[in-house]
Protein backbone atom coordinates (compact mmCIF):
# COMPACT_ATOMS: atom_id res chain seq x y z
CA UNK A 1 11.30 -40.15 -21.59
CA UNK A 2 12.97 -43.52 -21.93
CA UNK A 3 16.53 -44.16 -20.87
CA UNK A 4 19.20 -44.19 -23.56
CA UNK A 5 20.24 -47.40 -25.26
CA UNK A 6 23.35 -48.82 -23.66
CA UNK A 7 24.33 -51.59 -26.07
CA UNK A 8 23.37 -53.27 -29.31
CA UNK A 9 24.01 -56.93 -30.02
CA UNK A 10 24.48 -58.50 -33.43
CA UNK A 11 20.75 -58.76 -34.08
CA UNK A 12 20.21 -55.09 -33.35
CA UNK A 13 18.47 -55.69 -30.01
CA UNK A 14 18.48 -52.60 -27.83
CA UNK A 15 19.18 -53.70 -24.24
CA UNK A 16 18.49 -51.06 -21.63
CA UNK A 17 18.84 -50.62 -17.90
CA UNK A 18 15.07 -50.50 -17.40
CA UNK A 19 14.73 -53.94 -18.99
CA UNK A 20 12.94 -52.74 -22.11
CA UNK A 21 14.11 -54.64 -25.18
CA UNK A 22 13.31 -52.34 -28.12
CA UNK A 23 13.94 -55.04 -30.70
CA UNK A 24 11.59 -57.49 -29.01
CA UNK A 25 8.93 -54.82 -28.52
CA UNK A 26 9.02 -53.71 -32.16
CA UNK A 27 8.96 -57.30 -33.41
CA UNK A 28 5.83 -57.81 -31.34
CA UNK A 29 4.20 -54.74 -32.90
CA UNK A 30 5.14 -55.99 -36.36
CA UNK A 31 3.75 -59.48 -35.81
CA UNK A 32 0.47 -58.09 -34.49
CA UNK A 33 0.23 -55.67 -37.42
CA UNK A 34 0.61 -58.44 -39.99
CA UNK A 35 -2.25 -60.40 -38.41
CA UNK A 36 -4.39 -57.25 -38.28
CA UNK A 37 -3.59 -56.41 -41.90
CA UNK A 38 -4.87 -59.81 -43.02
CA UNK A 39 -8.18 -59.07 -41.31
CA UNK A 40 -8.42 -55.49 -42.58
CA UNK A 41 -7.86 -56.54 -46.18
CA UNK A 42 -11.18 -58.39 -46.00
CA UNK A 43 -13.03 -56.03 -43.63
CA UNK A 44 -16.30 -54.65 -45.01
CA UNK A 45 -16.55 -50.92 -45.65
CA UNK A 46 -19.30 -50.64 -43.03
CA UNK A 47 -16.99 -51.87 -40.26
CA UNK A 48 -14.17 -49.51 -41.21
CA UNK A 49 -16.57 -46.59 -41.43
CA UNK A 50 -18.12 -47.48 -38.09
CA UNK A 51 -14.68 -47.46 -36.48
CA UNK A 52 -13.84 -44.05 -37.94
CA UNK A 53 -17.17 -42.52 -36.95
CA UNK A 54 -16.82 -43.84 -33.41
CA UNK A 55 -13.24 -42.52 -33.25
CA UNK A 56 -14.44 -39.07 -34.36
CA UNK A 57 -17.06 -39.10 -31.61
CA UNK A 58 -14.41 -40.15 -29.07
CA UNK A 59 -12.11 -37.31 -30.15
CA UNK A 60 -14.90 -34.81 -29.53
CA UNK A 61 -15.80 -36.40 -26.20
CA UNK A 62 -12.16 -36.44 -25.09
CA UNK A 63 -11.32 -32.94 -26.29
CA UNK A 64 -10.48 -31.70 -22.79
CA UNK A 65 -8.15 -34.65 -22.14
CA UNK A 66 -6.44 -34.21 -25.51
CA UNK A 67 -5.87 -30.50 -24.86
CA UNK A 68 -4.55 -31.21 -21.36
CA UNK A 69 -2.04 -33.70 -22.77
CA UNK A 70 -1.09 -31.21 -25.46
CA UNK A 71 -0.53 -28.47 -22.86
CA UNK A 72 2.05 -30.71 -21.15
CA UNK A 73 3.77 -31.38 -24.49
CA UNK A 74 3.85 -27.66 -25.25
CA UNK A 75 5.28 -26.88 -21.83
CA UNK A 76 8.12 -29.35 -22.30
CA UNK A 77 8.78 -28.14 -25.85
CA UNK A 78 9.00 -24.53 -24.70
CA UNK A 79 11.37 -25.49 -21.88
CA UNK A 80 13.51 -27.33 -24.44
CA UNK A 81 13.74 -24.16 -26.51
CA UNK A 82 11.54 -25.23 -29.44
CA UNK A 83 11.11 -22.58 -32.12
CA UNK A 84 7.86 -20.89 -33.07
CA UNK A 85 7.36 -23.08 -36.16
CA UNK A 86 7.56 -26.31 -34.15
CA UNK A 87 5.31 -24.92 -31.44
CA UNK A 88 2.72 -23.99 -34.06
CA UNK A 89 2.79 -27.49 -35.52
CA UNK A 90 2.56 -29.01 -32.06
CA UNK A 91 -0.17 -26.83 -30.61
CA UNK A 92 -3.77 -28.00 -30.49
CA UNK A 93 -6.85 -26.00 -29.59
CA UNK A 94 -10.57 -26.77 -29.67
CA UNK A 95 -10.76 -25.77 -33.34
CA UNK A 96 -7.93 -28.09 -34.37
CA UNK A 97 -9.35 -30.98 -32.35
CA UNK A 98 -12.70 -30.47 -34.06
CA UNK A 99 -10.90 -30.40 -37.42
CA UNK A 100 -9.39 -33.82 -36.60
CA UNK A 101 -12.83 -35.24 -35.87
CA UNK A 102 -14.27 -33.74 -39.05
CA UNK A 103 -11.38 -35.17 -41.09
CA UNK A 104 -12.25 -38.66 -39.86
CA UNK A 105 -15.88 -38.11 -40.88
CA UNK A 106 -14.74 -36.85 -44.28
CA UNK A 107 -12.77 -40.08 -44.71
CA UNK A 108 -15.91 -42.06 -43.84
CA UNK A 109 -17.67 -40.31 -46.71
CA UNK A 110 -15.00 -41.37 -49.23
CA UNK A 111 -15.56 -44.39 -51.43
CA UNK A 112 -13.76 -47.50 -50.23
CA UNK A 113 -11.01 -48.15 -52.80
CA UNK A 114 -10.41 -51.78 -51.85
CA UNK A 115 -11.79 -54.20 -54.40
CA UNK A 116 -12.59 -51.49 -56.93
CA UNK A 117 -11.82 -52.38 -60.55
CA UNK A 118 -9.36 -49.93 -62.10
CA UNK A 119 -9.52 -51.46 -65.58
CA UNK A 120 -10.77 -54.59 -67.26
CA UNK A 121 -10.53 -56.14 -70.70
CA UNK A 122 -10.99 -59.42 -72.56
CA UNK A 123 -8.23 -61.06 -74.60
CA UNK A 124 -8.85 -62.78 -77.98
CA UNK A 125 -8.47 -66.15 -76.25
CA UNK A 126 -11.38 -65.32 -73.94
CA UNK A 127 -9.40 -64.52 -70.79
CA UNK A 128 -11.11 -61.74 -68.80
CA UNK A 129 -8.50 -59.62 -66.98
CA UNK A 130 -9.19 -57.05 -64.27
CA UNK A 131 -6.85 -54.72 -62.39
CA UNK A 132 -8.20 -54.50 -58.82
CA UNK A 133 -7.17 -52.25 -55.91
CA UNK A 134 -5.70 -53.97 -52.85
CA UNK A 135 -4.08 -52.67 -49.63
CA UNK A 136 -0.33 -52.21 -49.34
CA UNK A 137 -0.30 -54.25 -46.10
CA UNK A 138 1.48 -52.80 -43.06
CA UNK A 139 2.46 -49.14 -43.27
CA UNK A 140 4.96 -47.57 -40.90
CA UNK A 141 4.61 -43.82 -40.43
CA UNK A 142 7.39 -41.83 -38.77
CA UNK A 143 6.47 -38.22 -38.06
CA UNK A 144 7.49 -35.21 -36.00
CA UNK A 145 5.61 -32.76 -33.80
CA UNK A 146 2.18 -32.79 -35.48
CA UNK A 147 -0.18 -34.74 -33.22
CA UNK A 148 -3.01 -34.55 -35.77
CA UNK A 149 -0.99 -36.90 -38.00
CA UNK A 150 -1.84 -39.65 -35.51
CA UNK A 151 -5.52 -39.32 -36.39
CA UNK A 152 -5.06 -38.64 -40.10
CA UNK A 153 -2.56 -41.42 -40.73
CA UNK A 154 -4.36 -44.02 -38.66
CA UNK A 155 -7.68 -43.22 -40.31
CA UNK A 156 -6.39 -43.19 -43.88
CA UNK A 157 -4.58 -46.49 -43.40
CA UNK A 158 -7.68 -48.07 -41.88
CA UNK A 159 -9.97 -46.89 -44.69
CA UNK A 160 -7.55 -48.26 -47.28
CA UNK A 161 -7.39 -51.64 -45.52
CA UNK A 162 -3.86 -51.25 -44.16
CA UNK A 163 -2.56 -51.84 -40.66
CA UNK A 164 -0.39 -48.99 -39.38
CA UNK A 165 2.49 -48.61 -36.95
CA UNK A 166 2.77 -44.96 -35.93
CA UNK A 167 5.90 -43.48 -34.45
CA UNK A 168 5.23 -39.86 -33.52
CA UNK A 169 7.78 -37.34 -32.37
CA UNK A 170 8.84 -37.36 -28.72
CA UNK A 171 7.70 -33.75 -28.40
CA UNK A 172 4.07 -34.77 -29.12
CA UNK A 173 4.00 -38.12 -27.33
CA UNK A 174 1.29 -37.27 -24.78
CA UNK A 175 -0.96 -35.65 -27.39
CA UNK A 176 -0.52 -38.55 -29.80
CA UNK A 177 -1.27 -41.08 -27.06
CA UNK A 178 -4.51 -39.29 -26.16
CA UNK A 179 -5.60 -39.23 -29.81
CA UNK A 180 -4.57 -42.85 -30.33
CA UNK A 181 -6.77 -43.88 -27.40
CA UNK A 182 -9.74 -42.44 -29.31
CA UNK A 183 -8.81 -44.44 -32.42
CA UNK A 184 -8.70 -47.59 -30.30
CA UNK A 185 -12.20 -46.82 -29.01
CA UNK A 186 -13.37 -46.70 -32.61
CA UNK A 187 -11.74 -50.02 -33.49
CA UNK A 188 -13.29 -51.66 -30.45
CA UNK A 189 -16.75 -50.31 -31.29
CA UNK A 190 -16.53 -51.82 -34.78
CA UNK A 191 -15.08 -55.15 -33.67
CA UNK A 192 -11.83 -54.58 -35.55
CA UNK A 193 -8.44 -55.62 -34.12
CA UNK A 194 -6.72 -53.11 -31.87
CA UNK A 195 -3.46 -53.86 -33.67
CA UNK A 196 -4.91 -52.26 -36.81
CA UNK A 197 -3.55 -48.91 -35.56
CA UNK A 198 -0.57 -49.18 -33.21
CA UNK A 199 1.37 -46.33 -31.64
CA UNK A 200 5.00 -47.08 -30.76
CA UNK A 201 4.95 -46.74 -26.95
CA UNK A 202 8.48 -45.40 -26.50
CA UNK A 203 10.24 -42.19 -27.50
CA UNK A 204 13.55 -44.05 -27.77
CA UNK A 205 15.22 -43.42 -31.14
CA UNK A 206 16.17 -47.08 -31.32
CA UNK A 207 12.54 -47.78 -32.24
CA UNK A 208 12.99 -45.71 -35.40
CA UNK A 209 16.09 -47.74 -36.28
CA UNK A 210 14.08 -50.93 -35.90
CA UNK A 211 11.37 -49.63 -38.25
CA UNK A 212 13.98 -48.66 -40.84
CA UNK A 213 16.05 -51.83 -40.95
CA UNK A 214 14.81 -54.43 -38.49
CA UNK A 215 11.19 -55.04 -39.57
CA UNK A 216 11.37 -56.06 -43.22
CA UNK A 217 9.34 -59.15 -42.39
CA UNK A 218 6.46 -56.97 -41.19
CA UNK A 219 6.46 -53.45 -42.69
CA UNK A 220 5.63 -53.13 -46.38
CA UNK A 221 6.01 -49.35 -46.82
CA UNK A 222 7.43 -46.49 -44.74
CA UNK A 223 6.13 -42.92 -44.86
CA UNK A 224 8.27 -40.23 -43.19
CA UNK A 225 6.64 -36.91 -42.39
CA UNK A 226 8.88 -34.29 -40.89
CA UNK A 227 11.98 -32.21 -41.44
CA UNK A 228 14.65 -32.69 -44.05
CA UNK A 229 16.97 -34.61 -41.71
CA UNK A 230 14.28 -37.14 -40.78
CA UNK A 231 13.30 -37.78 -44.38
CA UNK A 232 16.94 -38.04 -45.46
CA UNK A 233 17.64 -40.59 -42.74
CA UNK A 234 14.61 -42.68 -43.65
CA UNK A 235 15.47 -42.66 -47.35
CA UNK A 236 19.11 -43.55 -46.62
CA UNK A 237 18.55 -46.30 -44.06
CA UNK A 238 15.18 -47.87 -44.89
CA UNK A 239 15.20 -51.47 -46.08
CA UNK A 240 11.62 -51.27 -47.35
CA UNK A 241 10.02 -48.94 -49.95
CA UNK A 242 9.54 -45.31 -48.86
CA UNK A 243 6.94 -42.75 -49.92
CA UNK A 244 9.05 -39.62 -49.56
CA UNK A 245 8.05 -36.20 -48.29
CA UNK A 246 10.81 -33.65 -48.74
CA UNK A 247 10.81 -30.04 -47.60
CA UNK A 248 8.42 -27.53 -49.12
CA UNK A 249 10.50 -24.78 -50.70
CA UNK A 250 7.39 -23.35 -52.36
CA UNK A 251 7.21 -20.36 -54.73
CA UNK A 252 4.68 -17.75 -55.79
CA UNK A 253 5.43 -16.15 -59.17
CA UNK A 254 3.63 -12.88 -59.92
CA UNK A 255 3.47 -12.41 -63.67
CA UNK A 256 3.32 -9.05 -65.49
CA UNK A 257 -0.33 -9.77 -66.33
CA UNK A 258 -1.37 -10.45 -62.73
CA UNK A 259 -4.10 -8.53 -60.95
CA UNK A 260 -2.28 -6.67 -58.18
CA UNK A 261 -4.94 -7.09 -55.50
CA UNK A 262 -5.22 -10.82 -56.27
CA UNK A 263 -1.43 -11.14 -56.14
CA UNK A 264 -1.31 -9.34 -52.79
CA UNK A 265 -3.99 -11.58 -51.23
CA UNK A 266 -2.46 -14.79 -52.57
CA UNK A 267 1.07 -13.84 -51.51
CA UNK A 268 0.02 -12.92 -47.97
CA UNK A 269 -2.02 -16.10 -47.57
CA UNK A 270 0.64 -18.33 -49.11
CA UNK A 271 3.29 -17.01 -46.71
CA UNK A 272 1.49 -15.91 -43.55
CA UNK A 273 -1.65 -18.05 -43.07
CA UNK A 274 0.47 -20.68 -41.33
CA UNK A 275 4.20 -20.24 -41.71
CA UNK A 276 5.10 -23.65 -40.30
CA UNK A 277 3.34 -25.85 -42.87
CA UNK A 278 5.09 -27.41 -45.85
CA UNK A 279 2.82 -25.56 -48.29
CA UNK A 280 3.88 -22.13 -47.04
CA UNK A 281 5.53 -20.00 -49.71
CA UNK A 282 9.21 -19.39 -49.05
CA UNK A 283 10.13 -17.38 -52.17
CA UNK A 284 8.24 -14.66 -54.05
CA UNK A 285 9.25 -14.17 -57.68
CA UNK A 286 8.07 -10.97 -59.38
CA UNK A 287 8.17 -10.36 -63.13
CA UNK A 288 10.40 -7.44 -64.09
CA UNK A 289 7.69 -6.52 -66.58
CA UNK A 290 5.23 -5.69 -63.78
CA UNK A 291 4.48 -2.01 -63.14
CA UNK A 292 6.88 -0.67 -60.44
CA UNK A 293 4.03 -0.40 -57.92
CA UNK A 294 3.58 -4.18 -57.90
CA UNK A 295 6.88 -5.07 -56.25
CA UNK A 296 6.63 -2.21 -53.77
CA UNK A 297 3.03 -3.09 -52.83
CA UNK A 298 3.78 -6.78 -52.33
CA UNK A 299 6.87 -6.12 -50.22
CA UNK A 300 5.09 -3.50 -48.09
CA UNK A 301 2.17 -5.90 -47.49
CA UNK A 302 4.52 -8.64 -46.31
CA UNK A 303 6.42 -6.30 -44.00
CA UNK A 304 3.17 -4.90 -42.58
CA UNK A 305 2.06 -8.46 -41.81
CA UNK A 306 5.18 -9.03 -39.71
CA UNK A 307 7.18 -10.96 -42.29
CA UNK A 308 10.92 -10.49 -42.65
CA UNK A 309 11.79 -9.93 -46.30
CA UNK A 310 15.16 -10.87 -47.78
CA UNK A 311 15.59 -9.75 -51.36
CA UNK A 312 17.80 -9.11 -54.35
CA UNK A 313 18.90 -5.61 -55.35
CA UNK A 314 15.55 -4.79 -56.99
CA UNK A 315 13.59 -5.85 -53.92
CA UNK A 316 15.89 -3.84 -51.65
CA UNK A 317 15.43 -0.79 -53.86
CA UNK A 318 11.65 -1.15 -53.50
CA UNK A 319 11.82 -0.79 -49.69
CA UNK A 320 14.83 0.00 -47.47
CA UNK A 321 13.58 -2.44 -44.82
CA UNK A 322 14.33 -5.41 -47.09
CA UNK A 323 17.44 -7.32 -46.04
CA UNK A 324 19.95 -8.57 -48.56
CA UNK A 325 19.35 -12.15 -49.68
CA UNK A 326 22.19 -14.65 -49.91
CA UNK A 327 22.46 -17.60 -52.28
CA UNK A 328 21.30 -19.87 -49.45
CA UNK A 329 18.02 -17.98 -49.08
CA UNK A 330 16.74 -19.15 -52.47
CA UNK A 331 16.86 -22.81 -51.39
CA UNK A 332 15.79 -22.43 -47.75
CA UNK A 333 12.53 -23.72 -46.25
CA UNK A 334 12.14 -21.15 -43.47
CA UNK A 335 8.93 -22.46 -41.86
CA UNK A 336 8.81 -19.03 -40.28
CA UNK A 337 7.70 -15.47 -41.04
CA UNK A 338 10.57 -14.96 -43.50
CA UNK A 339 10.41 -14.81 -47.29
CA UNK A 340 12.95 -14.36 -50.08
CA UNK A 341 12.00 -12.01 -52.94
CA UNK A 342 13.56 -11.96 -56.39
CA UNK A 343 12.78 -10.10 -59.60
CA UNK A 344 12.94 -12.28 -62.74
CA UNK A 345 12.71 -11.67 -66.46
CA UNK A 346 9.38 -13.27 -67.21
CA UNK A 347 7.83 -16.69 -66.83
CA UNK A 348 10.75 -18.63 -68.32
CA UNK A 349 13.23 -17.26 -65.79
CA UNK A 350 10.73 -17.99 -63.01
CA UNK A 351 10.49 -21.58 -64.22
CA UNK A 352 14.28 -21.85 -64.36
CA UNK A 353 14.64 -20.45 -60.84
CA UNK A 354 12.13 -22.96 -59.46
CA UNK A 355 13.83 -25.84 -61.30
CA UNK A 356 17.20 -24.87 -59.79
CA UNK A 357 16.21 -24.01 -56.22
CA UNK A 358 12.81 -25.63 -55.63
CA UNK A 359 11.97 -28.90 -53.90
CA UNK A 360 9.32 -30.18 -56.37
CA UNK A 361 6.60 -29.60 -53.77
CA UNK A 362 4.14 -26.77 -54.58
CA UNK A 363 4.49 -23.70 -56.79
CA UNK A 364 1.99 -21.09 -57.98
CA UNK A 365 1.63 -18.50 -60.74
CA UNK A 366 -0.57 -15.43 -60.48
CA UNK A 367 -1.57 -14.12 -63.91
CA UNK A 368 -4.51 -13.26 -66.15
CA UNK A 369 -2.52 -14.49 -69.16
CA UNK A 370 -3.74 -17.97 -70.06
CA UNK A 371 -0.70 -18.76 -72.21
CA UNK A 372 1.74 -17.80 -69.43
CA UNK A 373 -0.27 -19.88 -66.94
CA UNK A 374 -0.26 -22.95 -69.17
CA UNK A 375 3.47 -22.58 -69.81
CA UNK A 376 4.15 -22.45 -66.07
CA UNK A 377 1.81 -25.33 -65.20
CA UNK A 378 3.26 -27.56 -67.92
CA UNK A 379 6.94 -26.86 -67.29
CA UNK A 380 7.21 -26.59 -63.50
CA UNK A 381 7.90 -30.17 -62.39
CA UNK A 382 6.38 -30.06 -58.92
CA UNK A 383 3.88 -32.35 -57.25
CA UNK A 384 1.36 -29.50 -57.11
CA UNK A 385 1.19 -26.47 -59.42
CA UNK A 386 -1.46 -23.78 -59.04
CA UNK A 387 -2.82 -20.89 -61.11
CA UNK A 388 -4.26 -17.92 -59.22
CA UNK A 389 -4.46 -19.75 -55.89
CA UNK A 390 -2.45 -19.90 -52.67
CA UNK A 391 0.18 -22.58 -52.14
CA UNK A 392 -1.47 -23.31 -48.79
CA UNK A 393 -4.08 -25.35 -50.67
CA UNK A 394 -1.41 -28.08 -50.79
CA UNK A 395 -3.44 -30.26 -48.45
CA UNK A 396 -5.29 -33.52 -48.86
CA UNK A 397 -8.37 -32.18 -47.08
CA UNK A 398 -8.53 -29.23 -49.46
CA UNK A 399 -8.27 -31.66 -52.37
CA UNK A 400 -11.35 -33.52 -51.15
CA UNK A 401 -9.31 -36.48 -49.93
CA UNK A 402 -10.51 -36.21 -46.32
CA UNK A 403 -6.97 -35.92 -44.98
CA UNK A 404 -3.45 -36.85 -45.98
CA UNK A 405 -0.41 -38.58 -44.53
CA UNK A 406 1.82 -36.08 -46.29
CA UNK A 407 2.70 -34.47 -49.61
CA UNK A 408 4.85 -36.87 -51.59
CA UNK A 409 7.55 -35.36 -53.78
CA UNK A 410 8.42 -38.75 -55.26
CA UNK A 411 7.92 -39.45 -58.95
CA UNK A 412 6.65 -42.99 -58.58
CA UNK A 413 3.65 -44.67 -56.97
CA UNK A 414 2.31 -41.64 -55.09
CA UNK A 415 2.86 -37.95 -55.79
CA UNK A 416 1.25 -34.96 -54.10
CA UNK A 417 -1.22 -35.49 -51.22
CA UNK A 418 -1.08 -39.09 -50.00
CA UNK A 419 -4.64 -40.14 -49.27
CA UNK A 420 -6.70 -43.31 -49.36
CA UNK A 421 -6.11 -44.25 -53.01
CA UNK A 422 -2.38 -43.56 -52.76
CA UNK A 423 -2.15 -46.12 -49.94
CA UNK A 424 -3.23 -48.95 -52.22
CA UNK A 425 -1.63 -51.13 -54.84
CA UNK A 426 -3.35 -53.46 -57.27
CA UNK A 427 -3.39 -57.02 -58.45
CA UNK A 428 -4.58 -58.69 -61.64
CA UNK A 429 -7.57 -61.00 -61.43
CA UNK A 430 -7.92 -63.30 -64.43
CA UNK A 431 -11.03 -65.38 -65.26
CA UNK A 432 -10.78 -68.17 -67.80
CA UNK A 433 -12.82 -71.05 -69.12
CA UNK A 434 -10.16 -73.72 -69.36
CA UNK A 435 -7.55 -71.90 -71.49
CA UNK A 436 -4.01 -73.28 -71.63
CA UNK A 437 -1.08 -71.56 -73.24
CA UNK A 438 0.20 -73.16 -76.44
């Protein structure tokens, strides 16, 4: 790992004992990205798809090297005392490496959004106006622990005609570098500039500071993907637009008209499939109008699966192994095998609970009552709302988007899974025949 920064001058240059000037290095990445972005904006779909297909092939061919690099990252993370949730996000195996390669191929299969006409119309004066998709330009992505984001983010930016500057977490630096090498192979095979996908080559935190406030001339948009503290810092310090990704305090509400077996399967999957992902359920809400067996069955299933349950008085009465929940539990993203359970008086109280404690990420209702489902789906103001399905479907790949950079909880530009289309803007193209304005 790089040496700490020893001083900062008025420009924000990071001068270090090893001679590395972080400011100069990041400016160089930015300048190269701008040049690459100009080329990518005009690159044909065939070239971008060729690069992605070749990168997928390289990931498969280099699987052993990627896993070896990941093993070193895991070893260091364990020695540093990383928790189980971080280790799960960090860990790669042959299945996850294959999933990365398949995600790139799924992105190849997507339609190229660049140049597509979103709308067009003709004015009474004969002007023909079109709204056309264009790239955002240079996208900076700052992420933690998940090495697969290197592949997903680089590929999505490339397909959407954007150059990317990727700054992965220090805990995944070897894994990310091995994956990035495969992306570079793909770019080379297609004759596209290597600077189209750049990985910040230092773990020094000063590089993040440069991306936030020192690269306005180069970076058009920043996308943070990580914990609450990272996202909060990016949103507070960034001097360019940010596509936000806050924590996933996700809920499953089991309505009085739910099928018990369906509710049990959905609850277990939403919580326990992968506890460290942002779409994992953190709170289970159960309608007081459910038969008494419902609450007991759901709590027993969670406990049997190895999940710690923290509940209100009703949940504790259902099973003596349930721990007492505190006020903090209702707003906590555990990212672990822990869930909070609360009994509510119907769908309206469930909606009110989610509005007060939720993070506007992903929330689900389990019910056979169409009216209750529509009420929940219409009134819960989250990026993703589901009826009779697990919250773990909060994923760009599951939405048919190939992959995602993250789940945006913003209310402008992009919301929900951020895929190829969400990484574009648009411009107006106007055709006339000599019109002048009176």
